Amino acid sequence: MSPATPLNRRGVKLMQKVSSTMMFAKIAPHFIPAMDKAVHRLTRGRVLLSARMLPGVILTARGAKTGEPRTTPLACMPEDGGASWLLIGSNFGRPGHPAWTGNLLKHPDADVNWQGRDIPVRARLLAGAERAEAWQAVLGFWPPYATYQARIEREIRLFRLERR
């Protein structure tokens, strides 16, 4: 499986190489989510800029500590034509799990905006053989995740989101 993007093969290879760098890991978390949120809001859910590189969802989950809704644009790996999604808690290969993963652990019922539609989902943290199988699929989908995992000590969390 490969990312469903409008980029050509060379463009995808270039983006994979760039997204594997430490510079990308330092800069991207500060501008990609903010840009995605703004464009998504302005286009009323029709456009998610980062989805030109990888498929993406806007996740709305309750905060683990506050219970308040938290909205996060995320790359995802759609499964079964959008019947479920894998979310990868890579945090761009930085130490520490991203906050949204803690939110899903505490409050697994959430919503995603997928291709302009709001969909109620339930998140499940993958473990064991199921995680190993999903991880191999994720690496085939976007190889830079292997670079992210190699540069950190924690195991990257994988969640499967299924429609409620």
N, C-alpha and C. Protein backbone atom coordinates (compact mmCIF):
# COMPACT_ATOMS: atom_id res chain seq x y z
N MET A 1 0.85 -1.17 0.00
CA MET A 1 0.00 0.00 0.00
C MET A 1 0.89 1.23 0.00
N SER A 2 0.51 2.24 -0.72
CA SER A 2 1.27 3.48 -0.73
C SER A 2 0.32 4.64 -0.46
N PRO A 3 0.85 5.77 0.01
CA PRO A 3 -0.01 6.90 0.31
C PRO A 3 -0.80 7.34 -0.92
N ALA A 4 -2.07 7.60 -0.71
CA ALA A 4 -2.93 8.08 -1.80
C ALA A 4 -2.78 9.60 -1.87
N THR A 5 -1.82 10.05 -2.65
CA THR A 5 -1.54 11.47 -2.73
C THR A 5 -1.42 11.90 -4.18
N PRO A 6 -1.56 13.19 -4.43
CA PRO A 6 -1.36 13.68 -5.79
C PRO A 6 0.11 13.87 -6.15
N LEU A 7 1.03 13.59 -5.22
CA LEU A 7 2.44 13.73 -5.55
C LEU A 7 2.87 12.61 -6.48
N ASN A 8 3.81 12.91 -7.38
CA ASN A 8 4.34 11.84 -8.23
C ASN A 8 5.36 11.03 -7.41
N ARG A 9 5.85 9.95 -8.00
CA ARG A 9 6.75 9.04 -7.30
C ARG A 9 7.99 9.76 -6.77
N ARG A 10 8.58 10.63 -7.59
CA ARG A 10 9.76 11.38 -7.15
C ARG A 10 9.41 12.32 -6.00
N GLY A 11 8.25 12.94 -6.09
CA GLY A 11 7.81 13.84 -5.03
C GLY A 11 7.62 13.11 -3.70
N VAL A 12 7.05 11.91 -3.76
CA VAL A 12 6.85 11.10 -2.56
C VAL A 12 8.20 10.73 -1.96
N LYS A 13 9.14 10.28 -2.80
CA LYS A 13 10.48 9.90 -2.31
C LYS A 13 11.17 11.09 -1.65
N LEU A 14 11.05 12.26 -2.28
CA LEU A 14 11.66 13.46 -1.72
C LEU A 14 11.03 13.80 -0.36
N MET A 15 9.70 13.74 -0.28
CA MET A 15 9.02 14.04 0.98
C MET A 15 9.40 13.03 2.07
N GLN A 16 9.57 11.76 1.69
CA GLN A 16 9.99 10.76 2.67
C GLN A 16 11.38 11.08 3.20
N LYS A 17 12.27 11.49 2.31
CA LYS A 17 13.63 11.82 2.72
C LYS A 17 13.64 13.05 3.64
N VAL A 18 12.92 14.10 3.23
CA VAL A 18 12.86 15.32 4.03
C VAL A 18 12.23 15.06 5.39
N SER A 19 11.13 14.29 5.41
CA SER A 19 10.42 14.06 6.68
C SER A 19 11.20 13.18 7.64
N SER A 20 12.27 12.54 7.18
CA SER A 20 13.11 11.70 8.03
C SER A 20 14.21 12.50 8.73
N THR A 21 14.40 13.76 8.38
CA THR A 21 15.50 14.55 8.94
C THR A 21 15.16 15.10 10.32
N MET A 22 16.20 15.34 11.11
CA MET A 22 16.02 15.96 12.42
C MET A 22 15.48 17.38 12.29
N MET A 23 15.90 18.09 11.26
CA MET A 23 15.41 19.46 11.05
C MET A 23 13.89 19.44 10.89
N PHE A 24 13.38 18.50 10.11
CA PHE A 24 11.93 18.38 9.92
C PHE A 24 11.25 18.10 11.27
N ALA A 25 11.86 17.20 12.07
CA ALA A 25 11.29 16.85 13.37
C ALA A 25 11.25 18.06 14.30
N LYS A 26 12.19 18.96 14.16
CA LYS A 26 12.22 20.15 15.01
C LYS A 26 11.24 21.22 14.55
N ILE A 27 11.07 21.36 13.26
CA ILE A 27 10.27 22.46 12.71
C ILE A 27 8.81 22.06 12.48
N ALA A 28 8.58 20.90 11.89
CA ALA A 28 7.23 20.50 11.45
C ALA A 28 6.16 20.55 12.54
N PRO A 29 6.44 20.10 13.78
CA PRO A 29 5.38 20.12 14.79
C PRO A 29 4.86 21.52 15.12
N HIS A 30 5.63 22.53 14.78
CA HIS A 30 5.23 23.89 15.10
C HIS A 30 4.39 24.55 14.02
N PHE A 31 4.52 24.09 12.78
CA PHE A 31 3.74 24.77 11.74
C PHE A 31 2.73 23.88 11.02
N ILE A 32 2.99 22.60 10.86
CA ILE A 32 2.06 21.76 10.11
C ILE A 32 0.69 21.67 10.78
N PRO A 33 0.61 21.34 12.09
CA PRO A 33 -0.72 21.26 12.70
C PRO A 33 -1.48 22.59 12.68
N ALA A 34 -0.79 23.69 12.95
CA ALA A 34 -1.46 25.00 12.95
C ALA A 34 -1.98 25.34 11.56
N MET A 35 -1.18 25.08 10.55
CA MET A 35 -1.58 25.35 9.17
C MET A 35 -2.77 24.47 8.79
N ASP A 36 -2.70 23.19 9.14
CA ASP A 36 -3.80 22.27 8.84
C ASP A 36 -5.10 22.71 9.50
N LYS A 37 -5.03 23.07 10.79
CA LYS A 37 -6.24 23.50 11.50
C LYS A 37 -6.86 24.72 10.83
N ALA A 38 -6.03 25.70 10.51
CA ALA A 38 -6.54 26.94 9.92
C ALA A 38 -7.18 26.70 8.55
N VAL A 39 -6.50 25.97 7.69
CA VAL A 39 -7.04 25.72 6.34
C VAL A 39 -8.30 24.84 6.42
N HIS A 40 -8.28 23.85 7.30
CA HIS A 40 -9.43 22.97 7.46
C HIS A 40 -10.65 23.77 7.92
N ARG A 41 -10.43 24.67 8.87
CA ARG A 41 -11.52 25.51 9.38
C ARG A 41 -12.03 26.46 8.29
N LEU A 42 -11.10 27.11 7.57
CA LEU A 42 -11.49 28.07 6.53
C LEU A 42 -12.25 27.42 5.37
N THR A 43 -11.92 26.17 5.09
CA THR A 43 -12.58 25.47 3.97
C THR A 43 -13.75 24.60 4.44
N ARG A 44 -14.13 24.77 5.70
CA ARG A 44 -15.24 24.00 6.29
C ARG A 44 -15.05 22.49 6.12
N GLY A 45 -13.82 22.05 6.36
CA GLY A 45 -13.52 20.63 6.36
C GLY A 45 -13.21 20.01 5.01
N ARG A 46 -13.18 20.82 3.97
CA ARG A 46 -12.95 20.26 2.63
C ARG A 46 -11.46 20.05 2.31
N VAL A 47 -10.57 20.82 2.95
CA VAL A 47 -9.15 20.75 2.60
C VAL A 47 -8.30 20.52 3.86
N LEU A 48 -7.39 19.58 3.76
CA LEU A 48 -6.38 19.33 4.78
C LEU A 48 -5.04 19.31 4.02
N LEU A 49 -4.26 20.38 4.17
CA LEU A 49 -3.06 20.55 3.35
C LEU A 49 -2.08 19.39 3.48
N SER A 50 -1.84 18.90 4.69
CA SER A 50 -0.86 17.83 4.85
C SER A 50 -1.31 16.54 4.16
N ALA A 51 -2.60 16.43 3.83
CA ALA A 51 -3.10 15.24 3.12
C ALA A 51 -2.58 15.17 1.69
N ARG A 52 -1.91 16.21 1.23
CA ARG A 52 -1.26 16.14 -0.09
C ARG A 52 -0.03 15.24 -0.01
N MET A 53 0.47 15.02 1.21
CA MET A 53 1.62 14.15 1.41
C MET A 53 1.16 12.78 1.92
N LEU A 54 0.30 12.77 2.90
CA LEU A 54 -0.23 11.54 3.50
C LEU A 54 -1.72 11.75 3.78
N PRO A 55 -2.52 10.70 3.74
CA PRO A 55 -3.92 10.86 4.14
C PRO A 55 -3.97 11.37 5.57
N GLY A 56 -5.01 12.13 5.88
CA GLY A 56 -5.09 12.69 7.22
C GLY A 56 -6.51 12.82 7.72
N VAL A 57 -6.62 12.88 9.04
CA VAL A 57 -7.88 13.11 9.72
C VAL A 57 -7.69 14.28 10.69
N ILE A 58 -8.79 14.87 11.06
CA ILE A 58 -8.80 15.79 12.18
C ILE A 58 -9.43 15.02 13.33
N LEU A 59 -8.64 14.76 14.37
CA LEU A 59 -9.11 14.01 15.53
C LEU A 59 -9.62 14.98 16.58
N THR A 60 -10.81 14.72 17.09
CA THR A 60 -11.33 15.47 18.23
C THR A 60 -11.56 14.47 19.35
N ALA A 61 -10.76 14.61 20.40
CA ALA A 61 -10.83 13.72 21.56
C ALA A 61 -10.87 14.58 22.82
N ARG A 62 -11.43 14.03 23.87
CA ARG A 62 -11.44 14.77 25.14
C ARG A 62 -10.06 14.71 25.78
N GLY A 63 -9.65 15.83 26.36
CA GLY A 63 -8.35 15.90 27.02
C GLY A 63 -8.30 14.95 28.20
N ALA A 64 -7.17 14.29 28.39
CA ALA A 64 -7.02 13.32 29.47
C ALA A 64 -7.20 13.96 30.84
N LYS A 65 -6.72 15.18 31.02
CA LYS A 65 -6.80 15.84 32.32
C LYS A 65 -8.03 16.73 32.44
N THR A 66 -8.35 17.46 31.39
CA THR A 66 -9.42 18.47 31.47
C THR A 66 -10.78 17.95 31.03
N GLY A 67 -10.80 16.95 30.17
CA GLY A 67 -12.06 16.48 29.60
C GLY A 67 -12.59 17.39 28.50
N GLU A 68 -11.87 18.47 28.23
CA GLU A 68 -12.27 19.42 27.18
C GLU A 68 -11.92 18.86 25.81
N PRO A 69 -12.71 19.19 24.77
CA PRO A 69 -12.38 18.71 23.42
C PRO A 69 -11.04 19.26 22.94
N ARG A 70 -10.24 18.38 22.37
CA ARG A 70 -8.94 18.74 21.80
C ARG A 70 -8.94 18.30 20.34
N THR A 71 -8.60 19.22 19.46
CA THR A 71 -8.62 18.95 18.02
C THR A 71 -7.20 18.90 17.51
N THR A 72 -6.87 17.81 16.82
CA THR A 72 -5.51 17.58 16.33
C THR A 72 -5.54 17.04 14.91
N PRO A 73 -4.90 17.72 13.96
CA PRO A 73 -4.75 17.13 12.62
C PRO A 73 -3.66 16.07 12.66
N LEU A 74 -3.94 14.91 12.07
CA LEU A 74 -2.99 13.80 12.11
C LEU A 74 -2.93 13.07 10.78
N ALA A 75 -1.74 12.62 10.43
CA ALA A 75 -1.60 11.69 9.32
C ALA A 75 -2.20 10.37 9.78
N CYS A 76 -2.73 9.62 8.84
CA CYS A 76 -3.32 8.33 9.19
C CYS A 76 -3.10 7.35 8.06
N MET A 77 -3.34 6.09 8.37
CA MET A 77 -3.34 5.06 7.34
C MET A 77 -4.76 4.50 7.30
N PRO A 78 -5.53 4.87 6.27
CA PRO A 78 -6.89 4.34 6.17
C PRO A 78 -6.86 2.84 5.89
N GLU A 79 -7.82 2.14 6.46
CA GLU A 79 -7.96 0.70 6.22
C GLU A 79 -9.35 0.44 5.66
N ASP A 80 -9.46 -0.54 4.82
CA ASP A 80 -10.76 -0.95 4.26
C ASP A 80 -11.54 0.23 3.69
N GLY A 81 -10.86 1.07 2.91
CA GLY A 81 -11.53 2.18 2.24
C GLY A 81 -12.10 3.23 3.18
N GLY A 82 -11.53 3.37 4.36
CA GLY A 82 -12.02 4.38 5.30
C GLY A 82 -12.99 3.82 6.32
N ALA A 83 -13.05 2.49 6.45
CA ALA A 83 -13.89 1.88 7.48
C ALA A 83 -13.21 1.97 8.85
N SER A 84 -11.88 2.02 8.84
CA SER A 84 -11.10 2.21 10.05
C SER A 84 -9.80 2.91 9.66
N TRP A 85 -9.08 3.38 10.67
CA TRP A 85 -7.84 4.13 10.43
C TRP A 85 -6.80 3.72 11.46
N LEU A 86 -5.54 3.69 11.03
CA LEU A 86 -4.44 3.55 11.97
C LEU A 86 -3.87 4.93 12.22
N LEU A 87 -3.69 5.27 13.49
CA LEU A 87 -3.02 6.51 13.87
C LEU A 87 -1.69 6.13 14.50
N ILE A 88 -0.66 6.86 14.12
CA ILE A 88 0.70 6.55 14.53
C ILE A 88 1.20 7.67 15.43
N GLY A 89 1.49 7.35 16.68
CA GLY A 89 1.93 8.35 17.65
C GLY A 89 3.42 8.60 17.56
N SER A 90 3.90 8.96 16.38
CA SER A 90 5.34 9.10 16.15
C SER A 90 5.92 10.37 16.77
N ASN A 91 5.11 11.41 16.89
CA ASN A 91 5.59 12.70 17.40
C ASN A 91 6.80 13.18 16.60
N PHE A 92 6.80 12.86 15.30
CA PHE A 92 7.88 13.24 14.39
C PHE A 92 9.24 12.70 14.84
N GLY A 93 9.23 11.57 15.59
CA GLY A 93 10.47 10.97 16.05
C GLY A 93 11.11 11.71 17.20
N ARG A 94 10.30 12.45 17.94
CA ARG A 94 10.81 13.17 19.11
C ARG A 94 10.51 12.37 20.37
N PRO A 95 11.28 12.59 21.45
CA PRO A 95 11.01 11.86 22.69
C PRO A 95 9.62 12.23 23.23
N GLY A 96 9.04 11.35 23.94
CA GLY A 96 7.74 11.61 24.56
C GLY A 96 6.59 11.32 23.61
N HIS A 97 5.57 10.69 24.17
CA HIS A 97 4.38 10.41 23.38
C HIS A 97 3.62 11.70 23.12
N PRO A 98 3.01 11.85 21.95
CA PRO A 98 2.20 13.04 21.71
C PRO A 98 0.98 13.04 22.63
N ALA A 99 0.54 14.23 23.01
CA ALA A 99 -0.57 14.38 23.96
C ALA A 99 -1.83 13.67 23.50
N TRP A 100 -2.11 13.68 22.20
CA TRP A 100 -3.35 13.08 21.73
C TRP A 100 -3.42 11.59 22.05
N THR A 101 -2.25 10.91 22.17
CA THR A 101 -2.28 9.48 22.49
C THR A 101 -2.73 9.26 23.93
N GLY A 102 -2.31 10.12 24.84
CA GLY A 102 -2.79 10.04 26.22
C GLY A 102 -4.28 10.32 26.32
N ASN A 103 -4.74 11.26 25.50
CA ASN A 103 -6.17 11.57 25.48
C ASN A 103 -6.98 10.33 25.06
N LEU A 104 -6.51 9.63 24.02
CA LEU A 104 -7.23 8.44 23.55
C LEU A 104 -7.16 7.29 24.55
N LEU A 105 -6.06 7.18 25.27
CA LEU A 105 -5.96 6.14 26.29
C LEU A 105 -7.00 6.36 27.38
N LYS A 106 -7.19 7.60 27.77
CA LYS A 106 -8.14 7.94 28.84
C LYS A 106 -9.58 7.99 28.34
N HIS A 107 -9.78 8.51 27.12
CA HIS A 107 -11.12 8.68 26.54
C HIS A 107 -11.11 8.11 25.12
N PRO A 108 -11.32 6.80 24.97
CA PRO A 108 -11.21 6.19 23.62
C PRO A 108 -12.32 6.58 22.64
N ASP A 109 -13.45 7.06 23.14
CA ASP A 109 -14.50 7.52 22.21
C ASP A 109 -14.15 8.92 21.74
N ALA A 110 -14.09 9.08 20.43
CA ALA A 110 -13.67 10.35 19.83
C ALA A 110 -14.41 10.54 18.52
N ASP A 111 -14.01 11.58 17.80
CA ASP A 111 -14.55 11.83 16.46
C ASP A 111 -13.39 12.14 15.53
N VAL A 112 -13.55 11.76 14.26
CA VAL A 112 -12.60 12.18 13.25
C VAL A 112 -13.37 12.88 12.14
N ASN A 113 -12.70 13.83 11.53
CA ASN A 113 -13.21 14.42 10.31
C ASN A 113 -12.38 13.79 9.21
N TRP A 114 -13.03 13.01 8.36
CA TRP A 114 -12.38 12.28 7.29
C TRP A 114 -13.01 12.73 5.98
N GLN A 115 -12.22 13.35 5.13
CA GLN A 115 -12.69 13.82 3.84
C GLN A 115 -13.95 14.67 3.96
N GLY A 116 -13.95 15.55 4.98
CA GLY A 116 -15.04 16.50 5.17
C GLY A 116 -16.24 15.97 5.94
N ARG A 117 -16.19 14.72 6.39
CA ARG A 117 -17.32 14.15 7.15
C ARG A 117 -16.89 13.88 8.58
N ASP A 118 -17.77 14.22 9.53
CA ASP A 118 -17.51 13.91 10.93
C ASP A 118 -18.00 12.49 11.22
N ILE A 119 -17.12 11.68 11.83
CA ILE A 119 -17.42 10.27 12.07
C ILE A 119 -17.08 9.93 13.52
N PRO A 120 -18.02 9.41 14.29
CA PRO A 120 -17.72 8.96 15.65
C PRO A 120 -16.91 7.67 15.60
N VAL A 121 -15.85 7.59 16.41
CA VAL A 121 -14.96 6.43 16.41
C VAL A 121 -14.63 6.01 17.83
N ARG A 122 -14.13 4.80 17.95
CA ARG A 122 -13.57 4.31 19.20
C ARG A 122 -12.13 3.90 18.90
N ALA A 123 -11.21 4.37 19.74
CA ALA A 123 -9.78 4.10 19.56
C ALA A 123 -9.37 2.91 20.41
N ARG A 124 -8.47 2.12 19.85
CA ARG A 124 -7.93 0.97 20.57
C ARG A 124 -6.43 0.94 20.37
N LEU A 125 -5.68 0.96 21.49
CA LEU A 125 -4.22 0.86 21.42
C LEU A 125 -3.85 -0.56 21.01
N LEU A 126 -3.02 -0.69 19.99
CA LEU A 126 -2.63 -2.01 19.51
C LEU A 126 -1.43 -2.53 20.29
N ALA A 127 -1.43 -3.84 20.51
CA ALA A 127 -0.34 -4.49 21.25
C ALA A 127 -0.09 -5.86 20.65
N GLY A 128 1.05 -6.44 21.01
CA GLY A 128 1.38 -7.80 20.63
C GLY A 128 1.43 -8.03 19.13
N ALA A 129 0.92 -9.18 18.71
CA ALA A 129 0.97 -9.58 17.30
C ALA A 129 0.17 -8.62 16.42
N GLU A 130 -0.95 -8.12 16.96
CA GLU A 130 -1.76 -7.19 16.18
C GLU A 130 -0.98 -5.91 15.90
N ARG A 131 -0.25 -5.43 16.90
CA ARG A 131 0.57 -4.23 16.71
C ARG A 131 1.70 -4.51 15.72
N ALA A 132 2.35 -5.65 15.87
CA ALA A 132 3.46 -6.00 14.97
C ALA A 132 3.00 -6.05 13.52
N GLU A 133 1.84 -6.63 13.28
CA GLU A 133 1.30 -6.69 11.91
C GLU A 133 0.96 -5.30 11.39
N ALA A 134 0.33 -4.50 12.24
CA ALA A 134 -0.01 -3.13 11.84
C ALA A 134 1.25 -2.30 11.60
N TRP A 135 2.28 -2.49 12.43
CA TRP A 135 3.52 -1.73 12.27
C TRP A 135 4.17 -2.03 10.92
N GLN A 136 4.16 -3.29 10.50
CA GLN A 136 4.72 -3.64 9.20
C GLN A 136 3.92 -2.97 8.08
N ALA A 137 2.62 -2.93 8.21
CA ALA A 137 1.78 -2.26 7.21
C ALA A 137 2.10 -0.77 7.17
N VAL A 138 2.26 -0.16 8.34
CA VAL A 138 2.58 1.28 8.43
C VAL A 138 3.93 1.57 7.77
N LEU A 139 4.92 0.71 8.00
CA LEU A 139 6.24 0.92 7.39
C LEU A 139 6.19 0.80 5.87
N GLY A 140 5.35 -0.10 5.37
CA GLY A 140 5.17 -0.20 3.92
C GLY A 140 4.45 1.00 3.36
N PHE A 141 3.60 1.61 4.17
CA PHE A 141 2.81 2.77 3.78
C PHE A 141 3.65 4.04 3.77
N TRP A 142 4.48 4.23 4.81
CA TRP A 142 5.31 5.43 4.94
C TRP A 142 6.61 5.05 5.66
N PRO A 143 7.65 4.66 4.91
CA PRO A 143 8.91 4.17 5.50
C PRO A 143 9.59 5.09 6.52
N PRO A 144 9.44 6.42 6.46
CA PRO A 144 10.10 7.25 7.47
C PRO A 144 9.73 6.93 8.92
N TYR A 145 8.61 6.23 9.14
CA TYR A 145 8.28 5.87 10.52
C TYR A 145 9.38 4.99 11.14
N ALA A 146 10.09 4.21 10.34
CA ALA A 146 11.21 3.40 10.85
C ALA A 146 12.32 4.31 11.38
N THR A 147 12.58 5.41 10.68
CA THR A 147 13.59 6.37 11.13
C THR A 147 13.16 7.00 12.43
N TYR A 148 11.89 7.37 12.53
CA TYR A 148 11.38 7.96 13.78
C TYR A 148 11.59 6.99 14.94
N GLN A 149 11.22 5.71 14.73
CA GLN A 149 11.34 4.73 15.81
C GLN A 149 12.80 4.52 16.20
N ALA A 150 13.71 4.53 15.22
CA ALA A 150 15.12 4.29 15.50
C ALA A 150 15.76 5.39 16.34
N ARG A 151 15.23 6.60 16.28
CA ARG A 151 15.88 7.70 16.99
C ARG A 151 15.33 7.90 18.40
N ILE A 152 14.35 7.12 18.82
CA ILE A 152 13.78 7.27 20.16
C ILE A 152 13.76 5.95 20.90
N GLU A 153 13.69 6.01 22.23
CA GLU A 153 13.68 4.80 23.05
C GLU A 153 12.28 4.26 23.28
N ARG A 154 11.28 5.10 23.27
CA ARG A 154 9.92 4.64 23.53
C ARG A 154 9.38 3.90 22.32
N GLU A 155 8.41 3.00 22.54
CA GLU A 155 7.74 2.36 21.42
C GLU A 155 6.64 3.29 20.94
N ILE A 156 6.63 3.55 19.64
CA ILE A 156 5.60 4.40 19.05
C ILE A 156 4.25 3.73 19.22
N ARG A 157 3.30 4.48 19.77
CA ARG A 157 1.95 3.96 19.97
C ARG A 157 1.20 3.91 18.64
N LEU A 158 0.49 2.81 18.42
CA LEU A 158 -0.39 2.65 17.26
C LEU A 158 -1.81 2.45 17.76
N PHE A 159 -2.72 3.21 17.20
CA PHE A 159 -4.13 3.08 17.53
C PHE A 159 -4.91 2.70 16.28
N ARG A 160 -5.89 1.85 16.46
CA ARG A 160 -6.86 1.58 15.39
C ARG A 160 -8.14 2.29 15.80
N LEU A 161 -8.63 3.13 14.89
CA LEU A 161 -9.91 3.81 15.11
C LEU A 161 -10.96 3.10 14.30
N GLU A 162 -12.03 2.70 14.96
CA GLU A 162 -13.12 2.03 14.28
C GLU A 162 -14.40 2.83 14.50
N ARG A 163 -15.25 2.84 13.48
CA ARG A 163 -16.50 3.59 13.57
C ARG A 163 -17.36 3.05 14.72
N ARG A 164 -18.01 3.99 15.41
CA ARG A 164 -18.96 3.59 16.46
C ARG A 164 -20.35 3.55 15.87
